[in-house]
């Protein structure tokens, strides 16, 4: 998927400088993930960041006394993986494909190195990560209202 298509699908990328988008395009690679395949596991090194081109992924967590459960689903245009941007750079969740999915993958270590040299890229990516973090926090709040607001 071309990054201009991603900009159209996800407004988080619409304010990025053209130079930042060009850089991301230059390191992007397409990845296919089959249904039920794991994209990354909790506590593994967070060395990639993804954008969903098609399909649906589940962010899952394992409870202390039982099987894992889905805490969020991410579909077309979604940014997958925020842990690559925060020390200790380890995944906080497990990500699994709910259906066959196509992703655009980026090497997080390469991006972090480039951010040290390019202040515009660094600022653009912090803005994207901050917007996505705020969006997810808002969604969790709505889920909590839905679950606990019926009492």
N, C-alpha and C. Protein backbone atom coordinates (compact mmCIF):
# COMPACT_ATOMS: atom_id res chain seq x y z
N UNK A 1 0.84 -1.18 0.00
CA UNK A 1 0.00 0.00 0.00
C UNK A 1 0.88 1.24 0.00
N UNK A 2 0.50 2.20 -0.76
CA UNK A 2 1.22 3.47 -0.81
C UNK A 2 0.83 4.33 0.39
N UNK A 3 1.78 5.10 0.87
CA UNK A 3 1.51 5.92 2.05
C UNK A 3 0.48 7.01 1.77
N UNK A 4 0.35 7.47 0.52
CA UNK A 4 -0.70 8.46 0.24
C UNK A 4 -2.07 7.82 0.41
N UNK A 5 -2.19 6.52 0.15
CA UNK A 5 -3.45 5.82 0.40
C UNK A 5 -3.72 5.73 1.90
N UNK A 6 -2.67 5.50 2.67
CA UNK A 6 -2.80 5.43 4.12
C UNK A 6 -3.21 6.79 4.67
N UNK A 7 -2.66 7.87 4.13
CA UNK A 7 -3.05 9.21 4.55
C UNK A 7 -4.54 9.43 4.36
N UNK A 8 -5.07 8.90 3.28
CA UNK A 8 -6.50 9.06 3.01
C UNK A 8 -7.34 8.22 3.98
N UNK A 9 -6.83 7.04 4.36
CA UNK A 9 -7.58 6.15 5.25
C UNK A 9 -7.46 6.57 6.72
N UNK A 10 -6.33 7.17 7.09
CA UNK A 10 -6.08 7.48 8.49
C UNK A 10 -5.63 8.93 8.62
N UNK A 11 -6.47 9.78 9.20
CA UNK A 11 -6.14 11.20 9.29
C UNK A 11 -4.92 11.51 10.15
N UNK A 12 -4.47 10.56 10.95
CA UNK A 12 -3.27 10.79 11.77
C UNK A 12 -2.06 11.11 10.92
N UNK A 13 -2.03 10.60 9.70
CA UNK A 13 -0.88 10.78 8.83
C UNK A 13 -1.01 12.00 7.92
N UNK A 14 -2.15 12.67 7.95
CA UNK A 14 -2.41 13.74 6.98
C UNK A 14 -1.54 14.97 7.20
N UNK A 15 -1.06 15.19 8.42
CA UNK A 15 -0.26 16.38 8.71
C UNK A 15 1.25 16.14 8.58
N UNK A 16 1.65 14.94 8.22
CA UNK A 16 3.08 14.65 8.13
C UNK A 16 3.72 15.39 6.96
N UNK A 17 4.95 15.82 7.19
CA UNK A 17 5.72 16.46 6.12
C UNK A 17 5.96 15.46 4.99
N UNK A 18 6.02 15.95 3.78
CA UNK A 18 6.27 15.08 2.63
C UNK A 18 7.59 14.33 2.78
N UNK A 19 8.58 14.97 3.35
CA UNK A 19 9.88 14.31 3.53
C UNK A 19 9.76 13.13 4.49
N UNK A 20 8.92 13.26 5.51
CA UNK A 20 8.71 12.16 6.46
C UNK A 20 7.98 11.01 5.79
N UNK A 21 6.97 11.33 5.01
CA UNK A 21 6.23 10.30 4.28
C UNK A 21 7.12 9.61 3.26
N UNK A 22 7.95 10.37 2.59
CA UNK A 22 8.87 9.78 1.60
C UNK A 22 9.84 8.82 2.28
N UNK A 23 10.34 9.22 3.44
CA UNK A 23 11.24 8.33 4.17
C UNK A 23 10.52 7.03 4.55
N UNK A 24 9.34 7.14 5.10
CA UNK A 24 8.60 5.94 5.50
C UNK A 24 8.32 5.05 4.29
N UNK A 25 7.96 5.67 3.18
CA UNK A 25 7.70 4.90 1.96
C UNK A 25 8.96 4.13 1.55
N UNK A 26 10.12 4.73 1.73
CA UNK A 26 11.37 4.10 1.29
C UNK A 26 11.75 2.87 2.11
N UNK A 27 11.24 2.78 3.34
CA UNK A 27 11.58 1.62 4.18
C UNK A 27 10.40 0.67 4.39
N UNK A 28 9.26 1.00 3.79
CA UNK A 28 8.06 0.17 3.96
C UNK A 28 8.20 -1.16 3.24
N UNK A 29 7.63 -2.20 3.85
CA UNK A 29 7.56 -3.48 3.16
C UNK A 29 6.20 -4.11 3.46
N UNK A 30 5.69 -4.80 2.47
CA UNK A 30 4.39 -5.45 2.61
C UNK A 30 4.56 -6.80 3.29
N UNK A 31 3.63 -7.08 4.20
CA UNK A 31 3.64 -8.34 4.94
C UNK A 31 2.23 -8.93 4.90
N UNK A 32 2.13 -10.20 4.63
CA UNK A 32 0.84 -10.90 4.71
C UNK A 32 0.83 -11.73 5.98
N UNK A 33 -0.27 -11.67 6.71
CA UNK A 33 -0.43 -12.44 7.94
C UNK A 33 -1.69 -13.28 7.79
N UNK A 34 -1.55 -14.58 7.95
CA UNK A 34 -2.69 -15.49 7.83
C UNK A 34 -3.56 -15.44 9.08
N UNK A 35 -4.82 -15.78 8.91
CA UNK A 35 -5.76 -15.86 10.03
C UNK A 35 -5.15 -16.68 11.17
N UNK A 36 -5.25 -16.18 12.39
CA UNK A 36 -4.76 -16.80 13.62
C UNK A 36 -3.24 -16.71 13.80
N UNK A 37 -2.53 -16.15 12.82
CA UNK A 37 -1.08 -16.01 12.95
C UNK A 37 -0.76 -14.87 13.93
N UNK A 38 0.28 -15.05 14.72
CA UNK A 38 0.71 -14.04 15.67
C UNK A 38 1.66 -13.06 14.97
N UNK A 39 1.39 -11.77 15.13
CA UNK A 39 2.23 -10.72 14.55
C UNK A 39 3.38 -10.42 15.50
N UNK A 40 3.06 -10.27 16.80
CA UNK A 40 4.08 -10.11 17.84
C UNK A 40 3.52 -10.59 19.16
N UNK A 41 4.43 -10.88 20.10
CA UNK A 41 4.04 -11.41 21.41
C UNK A 41 4.48 -10.46 22.53
N UNK A 42 3.68 -10.42 23.58
CA UNK A 42 4.00 -9.62 24.75
C UNK A 42 5.42 -9.93 25.23
N UNK A 43 6.14 -8.89 25.60
CA UNK A 43 7.50 -8.92 26.13
C UNK A 43 8.59 -9.18 25.11
N UNK A 44 8.25 -9.50 23.86
CA UNK A 44 9.27 -9.61 22.83
C UNK A 44 9.75 -8.21 22.46
N UNK A 45 10.94 -8.09 21.86
CA UNK A 45 11.41 -6.76 21.44
C UNK A 45 10.44 -6.12 20.44
N UNK A 46 10.13 -4.86 20.68
CA UNK A 46 9.23 -4.10 19.79
C UNK A 46 10.09 -3.46 18.71
N UNK A 47 10.33 -4.20 17.65
CA UNK A 47 11.26 -3.76 16.62
C UNK A 47 10.58 -3.46 15.29
N UNK A 48 9.27 -3.40 15.27
CA UNK A 48 8.52 -3.09 14.06
C UNK A 48 7.32 -2.21 14.44
N UNK A 49 6.83 -1.53 13.46
CA UNK A 49 5.55 -0.83 13.57
C UNK A 49 4.81 -1.14 12.27
N UNK A 50 3.50 -1.25 12.35
CA UNK A 50 2.70 -1.69 11.21
C UNK A 50 1.54 -0.75 10.97
N UNK A 51 1.07 -0.75 9.74
CA UNK A 51 -0.21 -0.14 9.39
C UNK A 51 -1.01 -1.22 8.68
N UNK A 52 -2.26 -1.38 9.09
CA UNK A 52 -3.12 -2.40 8.49
C UNK A 52 -3.60 -1.91 7.13
N UNK A 53 -3.25 -2.64 6.07
CA UNK A 53 -3.73 -2.33 4.72
C UNK A 53 -5.09 -2.95 4.49
N UNK A 54 -5.27 -4.19 4.96
CA UNK A 54 -6.56 -4.87 4.89
C UNK A 54 -6.58 -5.94 5.96
N UNK A 55 -7.78 -6.29 6.39
CA UNK A 55 -7.93 -7.33 7.41
C UNK A 55 -8.16 -6.74 8.79
N UNK A 56 -8.11 -7.61 9.80
CA UNK A 56 -8.37 -7.22 11.18
C UNK A 56 -7.42 -7.96 12.11
N UNK A 57 -6.86 -7.20 13.04
CA UNK A 57 -5.96 -7.76 14.04
C UNK A 57 -6.55 -7.56 15.42
N UNK A 58 -6.19 -8.45 16.34
CA UNK A 58 -6.64 -8.34 17.73
C UNK A 58 -5.43 -8.11 18.63
N UNK A 59 -5.55 -7.12 19.51
CA UNK A 59 -4.57 -6.95 20.58
C UNK A 59 -5.10 -7.75 21.76
N UNK A 60 -4.26 -8.67 22.25
CA UNK A 60 -4.70 -9.61 23.26
C UNK A 60 -3.80 -9.54 24.48
N UNK A 61 -4.37 -9.84 25.63
CA UNK A 61 -3.63 -9.90 26.87
C UNK A 61 -4.06 -11.16 27.62
N UNK A 62 -3.13 -11.75 28.33
CA UNK A 62 -3.44 -12.94 29.11
C UNK A 62 -3.70 -12.53 30.54
N UNK A 63 -4.84 -12.97 31.06
CA UNK A 63 -5.19 -12.68 32.45
C UNK A 63 -4.37 -13.55 33.39
N UNK A 64 -4.32 -13.18 34.65
CA UNK A 64 -3.50 -13.93 35.61
C UNK A 64 -3.98 -15.36 35.86
N UNK A 65 -5.25 -15.61 35.60
CA UNK A 65 -5.75 -16.95 35.92
C UNK A 65 -6.49 -17.60 34.76
N UNK A 66 -6.18 -17.19 33.54
CA UNK A 66 -6.94 -17.79 32.46
C UNK A 66 -6.35 -17.54 31.10
N UNK A 67 -7.15 -17.82 30.09
CA UNK A 67 -6.69 -17.65 28.71
C UNK A 67 -6.61 -16.17 28.34
N UNK A 68 -6.03 -15.92 27.18
CA UNK A 68 -5.92 -14.53 26.71
C UNK A 68 -7.28 -14.06 26.21
N UNK A 69 -7.45 -12.74 26.23
CA UNK A 69 -8.67 -12.16 25.70
C UNK A 69 -8.33 -10.90 24.93
N UNK A 70 -9.21 -10.56 24.00
CA UNK A 70 -9.00 -9.40 23.14
C UNK A 70 -9.38 -8.13 23.88
N UNK A 71 -8.47 -7.17 23.85
CA UNK A 71 -8.77 -5.87 24.47
C UNK A 71 -9.10 -4.81 23.43
N UNK A 72 -8.67 -5.08 22.17
CA UNK A 72 -8.98 -4.13 21.10
C UNK A 72 -8.78 -4.81 19.76
N UNK A 73 -9.58 -4.41 18.78
CA UNK A 73 -9.38 -4.87 17.41
C UNK A 73 -8.99 -3.67 16.56
N UNK A 74 -8.13 -3.94 15.59
CA UNK A 74 -7.62 -2.88 14.72
C UNK A 74 -7.83 -3.30 13.27
N UNK A 75 -8.40 -2.39 12.48
CA UNK A 75 -8.68 -2.70 11.09
C UNK A 75 -7.95 -1.78 10.13
N UNK A 76 -8.45 -1.73 8.93
CA UNK A 76 -7.83 -1.01 7.82
C UNK A 76 -7.46 0.43 8.21
N UNK A 77 -6.20 0.79 7.96
CA UNK A 77 -5.71 2.13 8.24
C UNK A 77 -5.15 2.30 9.65
N UNK A 78 -5.31 1.29 10.50
CA UNK A 78 -4.86 1.41 11.88
C UNK A 78 -3.35 1.28 12.02
N UNK A 79 -2.82 2.05 12.94
CA UNK A 79 -1.43 1.92 13.35
C UNK A 79 -1.37 0.79 14.37
N UNK A 80 -0.46 -0.14 14.16
CA UNK A 80 -0.34 -1.29 15.06
C UNK A 80 1.06 -1.26 15.67
N UNK A 81 1.09 -1.14 16.96
CA UNK A 81 2.36 -1.15 17.68
C UNK A 81 2.79 0.25 18.06
N UNK A 82 2.70 0.54 19.34
CA UNK A 82 3.19 1.81 19.87
C UNK A 82 4.42 1.58 20.74
N UNK A 83 4.64 0.37 21.17
CA UNK A 83 5.71 0.05 22.11
C UNK A 83 7.10 0.32 21.54
N UNK A 84 7.23 0.33 20.23
CA UNK A 84 8.52 0.59 19.59
C UNK A 84 9.04 1.98 19.91
N UNK A 85 8.14 2.88 20.34
CA UNK A 85 8.51 4.28 20.57
C UNK A 85 8.88 4.58 22.02
N UNK A 86 8.64 3.62 22.91
CA UNK A 86 8.85 3.85 24.34
C UNK A 86 9.77 2.79 24.95
N UNK A 87 10.78 3.27 25.69
CA UNK A 87 11.63 2.32 26.43
C UNK A 87 10.74 1.57 27.42
N UNK A 88 10.93 0.29 27.61
CA UNK A 88 12.07 -0.56 27.25
C UNK A 88 11.95 -1.22 25.87
N UNK A 89 11.08 -0.70 24.99
CA UNK A 89 10.94 -1.18 23.61
C UNK A 89 10.58 -2.67 23.56
N UNK A 90 9.56 -3.02 24.35
CA UNK A 90 9.05 -4.39 24.37
C UNK A 90 7.54 -4.32 24.19
N UNK A 91 6.99 -5.30 23.50
CA UNK A 91 5.55 -5.31 23.25
C UNK A 91 4.80 -5.46 24.57
N UNK A 92 3.74 -4.67 24.70
CA UNK A 92 2.89 -4.72 25.89
C UNK A 92 1.72 -5.68 25.72
N UNK A 93 1.48 -6.12 24.49
CA UNK A 93 0.36 -6.99 24.16
C UNK A 93 0.83 -8.06 23.18
N UNK A 94 -0.04 -9.00 22.93
CA UNK A 94 0.16 -9.93 21.83
C UNK A 94 -0.80 -9.52 20.73
N UNK A 95 -0.34 -9.55 19.50
CA UNK A 95 -1.16 -9.16 18.36
C UNK A 95 -1.36 -10.38 17.47
N UNK A 96 -2.61 -10.68 17.15
CA UNK A 96 -2.94 -11.86 16.36
C UNK A 96 -3.94 -11.48 15.27
N UNK A 97 -3.78 -12.08 14.10
CA UNK A 97 -4.70 -11.82 12.99
C UNK A 97 -6.03 -12.53 13.23
N UNK A 98 -7.11 -11.80 13.14
CA UNK A 98 -8.46 -12.38 13.25
C UNK A 98 -8.86 -12.98 11.91
N UNK A 99 -8.35 -12.39 10.85
CA UNK A 99 -8.58 -12.87 9.49
C UNK A 99 -7.31 -12.63 8.70
N UNK A 100 -7.22 -13.21 7.51
CA UNK A 100 -6.07 -12.92 6.67
C UNK A 100 -5.93 -11.41 6.55
N UNK A 101 -4.71 -10.91 6.74
CA UNK A 101 -4.50 -9.47 6.76
C UNK A 101 -3.22 -9.11 6.01
N UNK A 102 -3.25 -7.94 5.40
CA UNK A 102 -2.08 -7.38 4.75
C UNK A 102 -1.66 -6.15 5.53
N UNK A 103 -0.36 -6.08 5.83
CA UNK A 103 0.18 -5.00 6.64
C UNK A 103 1.31 -4.32 5.89
N UNK A 104 1.52 -3.07 6.21
CA UNK A 104 2.72 -2.36 5.79
C UNK A 104 3.60 -2.30 7.03
N UNK A 105 4.83 -2.84 6.94
CA UNK A 105 5.72 -2.94 8.08
C UNK A 105 6.89 -1.97 7.93
N UNK A 106 7.35 -1.47 9.07
CA UNK A 106 8.49 -0.57 9.11
C UNK A 106 9.43 -1.04 10.21
N UNK A 107 10.72 -0.99 9.95
CA UNK A 107 11.74 -1.37 10.93
C UNK A 107 11.85 -0.23 11.95
N UNK A 108 11.46 -0.51 13.19
CA UNK A 108 11.44 0.52 14.23
C UNK A 108 12.84 1.00 14.59
N UNK A 109 13.81 0.12 14.61
CA UNK A 109 15.17 0.53 14.94
C UNK A 109 15.72 1.49 13.89
N UNK A 110 15.41 1.22 12.64
CA UNK A 110 15.82 2.11 11.56
C UNK A 110 15.15 3.47 11.70
N UNK A 111 13.87 3.46 12.04
CA UNK A 111 13.15 4.72 12.22
C UNK A 111 13.73 5.51 13.39
N UNK A 112 13.99 4.85 14.50
CA UNK A 112 14.54 5.55 15.66
C UNK A 112 15.90 6.18 15.34
N UNK A 113 16.71 5.48 14.60
CA UNK A 113 18.01 6.03 14.18
C UNK A 113 17.81 7.25 13.29
N UNK A 114 16.88 7.14 12.36
CA UNK A 114 16.61 8.27 11.46
C UNK A 114 16.06 9.47 12.23
N UNK A 115 15.26 9.22 13.26
CA UNK A 115 14.70 10.31 14.06
C UNK A 115 15.79 11.09 14.79
N UNK A 116 16.88 10.43 15.13
CA UNK A 116 18.00 11.13 15.77
C UNK A 116 18.64 12.14 14.83
N UNK A 117 18.52 11.91 13.53
CA UNK A 117 19.13 12.78 12.53
C UNK A 117 18.15 13.77 11.91
N UNK A 118 16.85 13.50 12.06
CA UNK A 118 15.84 14.29 11.35
C UNK A 118 14.76 14.74 12.34
N UNK A 119 14.85 15.98 12.79
CA UNK A 119 13.91 16.51 13.79
C UNK A 119 12.48 16.53 13.27
N UNK A 120 12.29 16.79 11.98
CA UNK A 120 10.94 16.82 11.41
C UNK A 120 10.31 15.44 11.46
N UNK A 121 11.05 14.42 11.07
CA UNK A 121 10.56 13.04 11.14
C UNK A 121 10.21 12.68 12.58
N UNK A 122 11.10 13.01 13.50
CA UNK A 122 10.88 12.71 14.92
C UNK A 122 9.59 13.36 15.41
N UNK A 123 9.41 14.65 15.11
CA UNK A 123 8.21 15.36 15.53
C UNK A 123 6.96 14.78 14.88
N UNK A 124 7.03 14.47 13.60
CA UNK A 124 5.87 13.89 12.90
C UNK A 124 5.46 12.57 13.53
N UNK A 125 6.44 11.73 13.83
CA UNK A 125 6.11 10.41 14.39
C UNK A 125 5.62 10.51 15.83
N UNK A 126 6.18 11.44 16.61
CA UNK A 126 5.64 11.64 17.96
C UNK A 126 4.18 12.09 17.89
N UNK A 127 3.87 12.94 16.93
CA UNK A 127 2.49 13.41 16.80
C UNK A 127 1.55 12.24 16.46
N UNK A 128 1.97 11.38 15.55
CA UNK A 128 1.15 10.22 15.19
C UNK A 128 0.96 9.30 16.39
N UNK A 129 2.04 9.01 17.10
CA UNK A 129 1.95 8.12 18.26
C UNK A 129 1.09 8.75 19.36
N UNK A 130 1.24 10.05 19.59
CA UNK A 130 0.42 10.72 20.61
C UNK A 130 -1.06 10.69 20.24
N UNK A 131 -1.37 10.97 18.99
CA UNK A 131 -2.78 10.93 18.55
C UNK A 131 -3.36 9.53 18.70
N UNK A 132 -2.59 8.53 18.31
CA UNK A 132 -3.09 7.15 18.42
C UNK A 132 -3.25 6.75 19.87
N UNK A 133 -2.33 7.14 20.73
CA UNK A 133 -2.44 6.83 22.16
C UNK A 133 -3.69 7.47 22.75
N UNK A 134 -3.93 8.73 22.41
CA UNK A 134 -5.12 9.43 22.92
C UNK A 134 -6.40 8.77 22.40
N UNK A 135 -6.39 8.37 21.14
CA UNK A 135 -7.58 7.71 20.56
C UNK A 135 -7.86 6.41 21.29
N UNK A 136 -6.83 5.64 21.54
CA UNK A 136 -7.03 4.35 22.22
C UNK A 136 -7.49 4.54 23.66
N UNK A 137 -6.93 5.53 24.35
CA UNK A 137 -7.36 5.82 25.71
C UNK A 137 -8.83 6.20 25.72
N UNK A 138 -9.25 7.01 24.79
CA UNK A 138 -10.66 7.39 24.68
C UNK A 138 -11.54 6.15 24.46
N UNK A 139 -11.11 5.25 23.57
CA UNK A 139 -11.89 4.04 23.31
C UNK A 139 -11.99 3.16 24.55
N UNK A 140 -10.90 3.07 25.31
CA UNK A 140 -10.94 2.27 26.55
C UNK A 140 -11.92 2.89 27.54
N UNK A 141 -11.93 4.20 27.64
CA UNK A 141 -12.87 4.87 28.53
C UNK A 141 -14.31 4.56 28.13
N UNK A 142 -14.59 4.59 26.83
CA UNK A 142 -15.93 4.26 26.37
C UNK A 142 -16.30 2.81 26.70
N UNK A 143 -15.33 1.90 26.53
CA UNK A 143 -15.58 0.50 26.88
C UNK A 143 -15.87 0.35 28.36
N UNK A 144 -15.12 1.06 29.21
CA UNK A 144 -15.35 0.98 30.65
C UNK A 144 -16.72 1.53 31.02
N UNK A 145 -17.12 2.62 30.38
CA UNK A 145 -18.47 3.15 30.62
C UNK A 145 -19.53 2.13 30.24
N UNK A 146 -19.31 1.46 29.14
CA UNK A 146 -20.26 0.46 28.65
C UNK A 146 -20.32 -0.72 29.62
N UNK A 147 -19.18 -1.17 30.12
CA UNK A 147 -19.14 -2.33 31.00
C UNK A 147 -19.65 -1.98 32.39
N UNK A 148 -19.18 -0.86 32.95
CA UNK A 148 -19.48 -0.54 34.34
C UNK A 148 -20.62 0.44 34.50
N UNK A 149 -21.07 1.04 33.42
CA UNK A 149 -22.13 2.02 33.51
C UNK A 149 -23.52 1.42 33.63
N UNK A 150 -23.63 0.09 33.54
CA UNK A 150 -24.94 -0.56 33.56
C UNK A 150 -25.36 -0.97 34.96
N UNK A 151 -24.51 -0.67 35.96
CA UNK A 151 -24.75 -1.16 37.31
C UNK A 151 -25.66 -0.30 38.08
